[in-house]
C-alpha atoms as a PDB file:
ATOM      1  CA  MET A   1       1.418  33.076  64.937  1.00  0.00           C
ATOM      2  CA  VAL A   2       4.955  33.139  66.149  1.00  0.00           C
ATOM      3  CA  SER A   3       7.566  31.388  64.004  1.00  0.00           C
ATOM      4  CA  LEU A   4      10.059  28.886  65.317  1.00  0.00           C
ATOM      5  CA  GLN A   5      12.892  31.358  64.837  1.00  0.00           C
ATOM      6  CA  GLU A   6      11.146  33.914  67.024  1.00  0.00           C
ATOM      7  CA  GLN A   7      10.431  31.304  69.682  1.00  0.00           C
ATOM      8  CA  LEU A   8      14.079  30.196  69.731  1.00  0.00           C
ATOM      9  CA  LEU A   9      15.177  33.834  69.855  1.00  0.00           C
ATOM     10  CA  LYS A  10      12.876  34.548  72.836  1.00  0.00           C
ATOM     11  CA  ALA A  11      14.117  31.432  74.630  1.00  0.00           C
ATOM     12  CA  GLY A  12      17.688  32.616  74.139  1.00  0.00           C
ATOM     13  CA  LEU A  13      18.788  29.510  72.296  1.00  0.00           C
ATOM     14  CA  VAL A  14      19.943  31.517  69.250  1.00  0.00           C
ATOM     15  CA  ASP A  15      21.064  35.108  68.763  1.00  0.00           C
ATOM     16  CA  LYS A  16      19.973  37.666  66.168  1.00  0.00           C
ATOM     17  CA  ASN A  17      23.118  37.201  64.056  1.00  0.00           C
ATOM     18  CA  LYS A  18      22.494  33.441  63.598  1.00  0.00           C
ATOM     19  CA  VAL A  19      18.847  34.072  62.649  1.00  0.00           C
ATOM     20  CA  LYS A  20      19.921  36.748  60.145  1.00  0.00           C
ATOM     21  CA  GLN A  21      22.602  34.441  58.676  1.00  0.00           C
ATOM     22  CA  ALA A  22      20.119  31.546  58.319  1.00  0.00           C
ATOM     23  CA  ASN A  23      17.618  33.819  56.559  1.00  0.00           C
ATOM     24  CA  GLN A  24      20.319  35.052  54.165  1.00  0.00           C
ATOM     25  CA  GLU A  25      21.352  31.478  53.308  1.00  0.00           C
ATOM     26  CA  LYS A  26      17.744  30.549  52.699  1.00  0.00           C
ATOM     27  CA  SER A  27      17.122  33.528  50.410  1.00  0.00           C
ATOM     28  CA  LYS A  28      20.359  32.834  48.477  1.00  0.00           C
ATOM     29  CA  GLN A  29      19.272  29.254  47.934  1.00  0.00           C
ATOM     30  CA  LYS A  30      15.828  30.351  46.662  1.00  0.00           C
ATOM     31  CA  LYS A  31      17.414  32.871  44.260  1.00  0.00           C
ATOM     32  CA  ALA A  32      19.773  30.223  42.903  1.00  0.00           C
ATOM     33  CA  GLU A  33      16.844  27.840  42.374  1.00  0.00           C
ATOM     34  CA  ARG A  34      14.879  30.514  40.502  1.00  0.00           C
ATOM     35  CA  ARG A  35      17.867  31.388  38.369  1.00  0.00           C
ATOM     36  CA  THR A  36      18.683  27.808  37.344  1.00  0.00           C
ATOM     37  CA  GLY A  37      15.092  26.581  37.287  1.00  0.00           C
ATOM     38  CA  ALA A  38      16.093  23.464  39.250  1.00  0.00           C
ATOM     39  CA  GLN A  39      14.454  22.449  42.448  1.00  0.00           C
ATOM     40  CA  GLY A  40      16.718  21.913  45.409  1.00  0.00           C
ATOM     41  CA  ILE A  41      16.682  18.546  47.077  1.00  0.00           C
ATOM     42  CA  ASN A  42      14.745  18.641  50.278  1.00  0.00           C
ATOM     43  CA  GLU A  43      16.341  15.971  52.467  1.00  0.00           C
ATOM     44  CA  SER A  44      13.496  15.941  54.960  1.00  0.00           C
ATOM     45  CA  ARG A  45      10.947  15.338  52.215  1.00  0.00           C
ATOM     46  CA  VAL A  46      13.078  12.531  50.734  1.00  0.00           C
ATOM     47  CA  ALA A  47      13.501  10.952  54.182  1.00  0.00           C
ATOM     48  CA  ALA A  48       9.764  11.227  54.847  1.00  0.00           C
ATOM     49  CA  ASN A  49       8.964   9.581  51.490  1.00  0.00           C
ATOM     50  CA  GLU A  50      11.439   6.781  52.201  1.00  0.00           C
ATOM     51  CA  THR A  51       9.931   6.188  55.645  1.00  0.00           C
ATOM     52  CA  GLN A  52       6.442   6.155  54.157  1.00  0.00           C
ATOM     53  CA  ARG A  53       7.556   3.645  51.494  1.00  0.00           C
ATOM     54  CA  GLN A  54       9.116   1.384  54.145  1.00  0.00           C
ATOM     55  CA  ASN A  55       5.969   1.546  56.287  1.00  0.00           C
ATOM     56  CA  ALA A  56       3.807   0.663  53.280  1.00  0.00           C
ATOM     57  CA  GLU A  57       6.071  -2.302  52.445  1.00  0.00           C
ATOM     58  CA  ARG A  58       5.946  -3.561  56.040  1.00  0.00           C
ATOM     59  CA  ALA A  59       2.151  -3.175  56.071  1.00  0.00           C
ATOM     60  CA  ARG A  60       1.919  -5.159  52.807  1.00  0.00           C
ATOM     61  CA  GLU A  61       4.034  -7.964  54.288  1.00  0.00           C
ATOM     62  CA  LEU A  62       1.926  -8.078  57.467  1.00  0.00           C
ATOM     63  CA  ASN A  63      -1.272  -8.142  55.403  1.00  0.00           C
ATOM     64  CA  ALA A  64       0.099 -11.000  53.284  1.00  0.00           C
ATOM     65  CA  GLN A  65       0.972 -12.982  56.433  1.00  0.00           C
ATOM     66  CA  ARG A  66      -2.457 -12.326  57.931  1.00  0.00           C
ATOM     67  CA  ASP A  67      -4.174 -13.340  54.681  1.00  0.00           C
ATOM     68  CA  ALA A  68      -2.112 -16.558  54.536  1.00  0.00           C
ATOM     69  CA  ALA A  69      -3.103 -17.394  58.115  1.00  0.00           C
ATOM     70  CA  VAL A  70      -6.780 -16.724  57.361  1.00  0.00           C
ATOM     71  CA  ASN A  71      -6.597 -18.897  54.228  1.00  0.00           C
ATOM     72  CA  ALA A  72      -4.912 -21.739  56.139  1.00  0.00           C
ATOM     73  CA  LYS A  73      -7.590 -21.542  58.829  1.00  0.00           C
ATOM     74  CA  ALA A  74     -10.343 -21.581  56.190  1.00  0.00           C
ATOM     75  CA  ILE A  75      -8.791 -24.627  54.502  1.00  0.00           C
ATOM     76  CA  MET A  76      -8.604 -26.493  57.811  1.00  0.00           C
ATOM     77  CA  ALA A  77     -12.258 -25.619  58.482  1.00  0.00           C
ATOM     78  CA  GLN A  78     -13.232 -26.938  55.035  1.00  0.00           C
ATOM     79  CA  ILE A  79     -11.338 -30.171  55.681  1.00  0.00           C
ATOM     80  CA  ALA A  80     -12.953 -30.591  59.095  1.00  0.00           C
ATOM     81  CA  GLN A  81     -16.380 -30.042  57.573  1.00  0.00           C
ATOM     82  CA  MET A  82     -15.732 -32.570  54.779  1.00  0.00           C
ATOM     83  CA  VAL A  83     -14.528 -35.185  57.262  1.00  0.00           C
ATOM     84  CA  GLU A  84     -17.491 -34.596  59.596  1.00  0.00           C
ATOM     85  CA  LYS A  85     -20.087 -34.778  56.825  1.00  0.00           C
ATOM     86  CA  ASN A  86     -18.637 -37.779  55.001  1.00  0.00           C
ATOM     87  CA  ARG A  87     -17.065 -40.020  57.593  1.00  0.00           C
ATOM     88  CA  GLN A  88     -18.027 -43.656  57.390  1.00  0.00           C
ATOM     89  CA  SER A  89     -18.619 -46.135  60.160  1.00  0.00           C
ATOM     90  CA  LYS A  90     -15.830 -48.588  60.961  1.00  0.00           C
ATOM     91  CA  GLY A  91     -18.344 -51.343  61.566  1.00  0.00           C
ATOM     92  CA  THR A  92     -18.420 -53.693  64.517  1.00  0.00           C
ATOM     93  CA  GLY A  93     -14.634 -53.744  64.745  1.00  0.00           C
ATOM     94  CA  ASP A  94     -13.778 -57.423  64.737  1.00  0.00           C
ATOM     95  CA  ILE A  95     -10.924 -57.352  62.162  1.00  0.00           C
ATOM     96  CA  ALA A  96      -7.669 -55.480  62.759  1.00  0.00           C
ATOM     97  CA  TYR A  97      -6.593 -53.317  59.816  1.00  0.00           C
ATOM     98  CA  ASN A  98      -2.975 -52.129  60.017  1.00  0.00           C
ATOM     99  CA  PHE A  99      -1.617 -49.028  58.292  1.00  0.00           C
ATOM    100  CA  THR A 100       1.381 -46.740  58.602  1.00  0.00           C
ATOM    101  CA  HIS A 101       1.116 -43.165  59.808  1.00  0.00           C
ATOM    102  CA  ASP A 102       4.097 -40.936  60.610  1.00  0.00           C
ATOM    103  CA  ASN A 103       6.458 -43.916  60.281  1.00  0.00           C
ATOM    104  CA  LYS A 104       4.469 -45.873  62.858  1.00  0.00           C
ATOM    105  CA  ILE A 105       2.300 -48.889  62.323  1.00  0.00           C
ATOM    106  CA  GLU A 106      -1.175 -48.185  63.639  1.00  0.00           C
ATOM    107  CA  ARG A 107      -4.233 -50.387  63.861  1.00  0.00           C
ATOM    108  CA  ILE A 108      -7.943 -49.821  63.617  1.00  0.00           C
ATOM    109  CA  TYR A 109     -10.618 -52.429  64.059  1.00  0.00           C
ATOM    110  CA  VAL A 110     -13.120 -52.629  61.243  1.00  0.00           C
ATOM    111  CA  SER A 111     -15.797 -54.974  59.971  1.00  0.00           C
ATOM    112  CA  ALA A 112     -15.183 -57.366  57.052  1.00  0.00           C
ATOM    113  CA  GLU A 113     -17.239 -55.175  54.715  1.00  0.00           C
ATOM    114  CA  VAL A 114     -15.269 -52.041  55.621  1.00  0.00           C
ATOM    115  CA  GLN A 115     -12.015 -53.975  55.219  1.00  0.00           C
ATOM    116  CA  ALA A 116     -13.082 -54.982  51.701  1.00  0.00           C
ATOM    117  CA  HIS A 117     -13.839 -51.327  50.881  1.00  0.00           C
ATOM    118  CA  LEU A 118     -10.442 -50.250  52.250  1.00  0.00           C
ATOM    119  CA  ILE A 119      -8.614 -52.894  50.230  1.00  0.00           C
ATOM    120  CA  ALA A 120     -10.532 -51.995  47.067  1.00  0.00           C
ATOM    121  CA  GLY A 121      -9.714 -48.327  47.566  1.00  0.00           C
ATOM    122  CA  ARG A 122     -13.303 -47.139  47.904  1.00  0.00           C
ATOM    123  CA  LEU A 123     -12.646 -45.952  51.466  1.00  0.00           C
ATOM    124  CA  VAL A 124      -9.600 -43.964  52.547  1.00  0.00           C
ATOM    125  CA  ILE A 125      -8.076 -43.440  55.974  1.00  0.00           C
ATOM    126  CA  VAL A 126      -7.776 -39.767  56.967  1.00  0.00           C
ATOM    127  CA  CYS A 127      -6.175 -38.519  60.180  1.00  0.00           C
ATOM    128  CA  HIS A 128      -7.672 -35.221  61.286  1.00  0.00           C
ATOM    129  CA  GLY A 129      -7.467 -33.691  64.734  1.00  0.00           C
ATOM    130  CA  GLY A 130      -5.741 -36.713  66.220  1.00  0.00           C
ATOM    131  CA  THR A 131      -8.518 -39.097  65.215  1.00  0.00           C
ATOM    132  CA  VAL A 132      -8.588 -41.635  62.413  1.00  0.00           C
ATOM    133  CA  GLU A 133     -11.631 -41.445  60.164  1.00  0.00           C
ATOM    134  CA  LEU A 134     -12.759 -43.326  57.075  1.00  0.00           C
ATOM    135  CA  VAL A 135     -14.033 -41.260  54.153  1.00  0.00           C
ATOM    136  CA  PRO A 136     -14.953 -42.078  50.543  1.00  0.00           C
ATOM    137  CA  ARG A 137     -12.168 -41.818  47.972  1.00  0.00           C
ATOM    138  CA  VAL A 138     -13.730 -38.778  46.238  1.00  0.00           C
ATOM    139  CA  ILE A 139     -13.710 -36.823  49.496  1.00  0.00           C
ATOM    140  CA  ALA A 140     -10.159 -37.959  50.258  1.00  0.00           C
ATOM    141  CA  ASP A 141      -9.042 -36.616  46.876  1.00  0.00           C
ATOM    142  CA  LYS A 142     -10.592 -33.241  47.732  1.00  0.00           C
ATOM    143  CA  ILE A 143      -8.866 -33.286  51.120  1.00  0.00           C
ATOM    144  CA  ALA A 144      -5.544 -34.198  49.475  1.00  0.00           C
ATOM    145  CA  GLU A 145      -5.884 -31.161  47.180  1.00  0.00           C
ATOM    146  CA  ARG A 146      -6.027 -28.948  50.258  1.00  0.00           C
ATOM    147  CA  ASP A 147      -3.589 -30.798  52.552  1.00  0.00           C
ATOM    148  CA  ALA A 148      -2.059 -34.088  51.403  1.00  0.00           C
ATOM    149  CA  SER A 149      -0.492 -34.797  54.804  1.00  0.00           C
ATOM    150  CA  LEU A 150      -3.900 -35.619  56.318  1.00  0.00           C
ATOM    151  CA  VAL A 151      -4.642 -38.460  53.903  1.00  0.00           C
ATOM    152  CA  VAL A 152      -3.000 -41.467  55.540  1.00  0.00           C
ATOM    153  CA  ARG A 153      -3.817 -44.470  53.414  1.00  0.00           C
ATOM    154  CA  VAL A 154      -5.043 -44.735  49.824  1.00  0.00           C
ATOM    155  CA  ASN A 155      -5.147 -48.158  48.195  1.00  0.00           C
ATOM    156  CA  ARG A 156      -4.821 -47.846  44.454  1.00  0.00           C
ATOM    157  CA  THR A 157      -6.774 -50.334  42.437  1.00  0.00           C
ATOM    158  CA  SER A 158      -4.588 -50.880  39.413  1.00  0.00           C
ATOM    159  CA  THR A 159      -4.112 -54.203  37.706  1.00  0.00           C
ATOM    160  CA  GLU A 160      -1.390 -52.955  35.374  1.00  0.00           C
ATOM    161  CA  ILE A 161       1.979 -54.609  35.837  1.00  0.00           C
ATOM    162  CA  ASP A 162       5.228 -52.823  35.094  1.00  0.00           C
ATOM    163  CA  ALA A 163       7.412 -54.478  32.462  1.00  0.00           C
ATOM    164  CA  ASP A 164      10.534 -53.882  34.596  1.00  0.00           C
ATOM    165  CA  ASP A 165       9.050 -55.330  37.777  1.00  0.00           C
ATOM    166  CA  PRO A 166      11.110 -58.376  38.830  1.00  0.00           C
ATOM    167  CA  TYR A 167       8.264 -59.612  41.050  1.00  0.00           C
ATOM    168  CA  ALA A 168       5.575 -59.401  38.361  1.00  0.00           C
ATOM    169  CA  ALA A 169       5.107 -63.178  38.344  1.00  0.00           C
ATOM    170  CA  PHE A 170       4.386 -63.247  42.096  1.00  0.00           C
ATOM    171  CA  GLN A 171       0.850 -62.121  42.817  1.00  0.00           C
ATOM    172  CA  ILE A 172      -0.075 -60.778  46.250  1.00  0.00           C
ATOM    173  CA  PRO A 173      -3.492 -61.878  47.462  1.00  0.00           C
ATOM    174  CA  ASP A 174      -5.984 -59.074  48.156  1.00  0.00           C
ATOM    175  CA  ASP A 175      -7.024 -60.445  51.523  1.00  0.00           C
ATOM    176  CA  LEU A 176      -3.478 -60.549  52.944  1.00  0.00           C
ATOM    177  CA  THR A 177      -3.343 -59.221  56.487  1.00  0.00           C
ATOM    178  CA  TRP A 178      -0.235 -58.562  58.499  1.00  0.00           C
END
């Protein structure tokens, strides 16, 4: 095998004096390392290690982003499956039920029985994939654990009255519609 020095010498890119001088410098450096017992710093090895470290860091970041995207997709699939399996019928749709979603007042038409369940908090409005669905409260709590922005309306059924509430004496009827 022909060394790089010999190839450069044949090509005429270097002369014999430069090759001889480079060999002398190299042998002096090796003797000095043997004498002192210290290893010389190899800049190319340090640069290669640094490049390898940077590539590994970049690969870790890309893997973390890919894993986050996969997890988000899996969560959305779980939510879609929960909504599909547990959605409830809105009934015949003769009563308008108003709710707010994204700072807009929206309306769905439900039966009187479904309206009673919504008011009592047994059914919850969930917006998934651009559609409004009704699911039981237990399922809505599971959906809220994964993504709270999808749960649109949850009526809390609490009869406790705050001591600081100035309107505590004024009761709001349960069947109040807008």
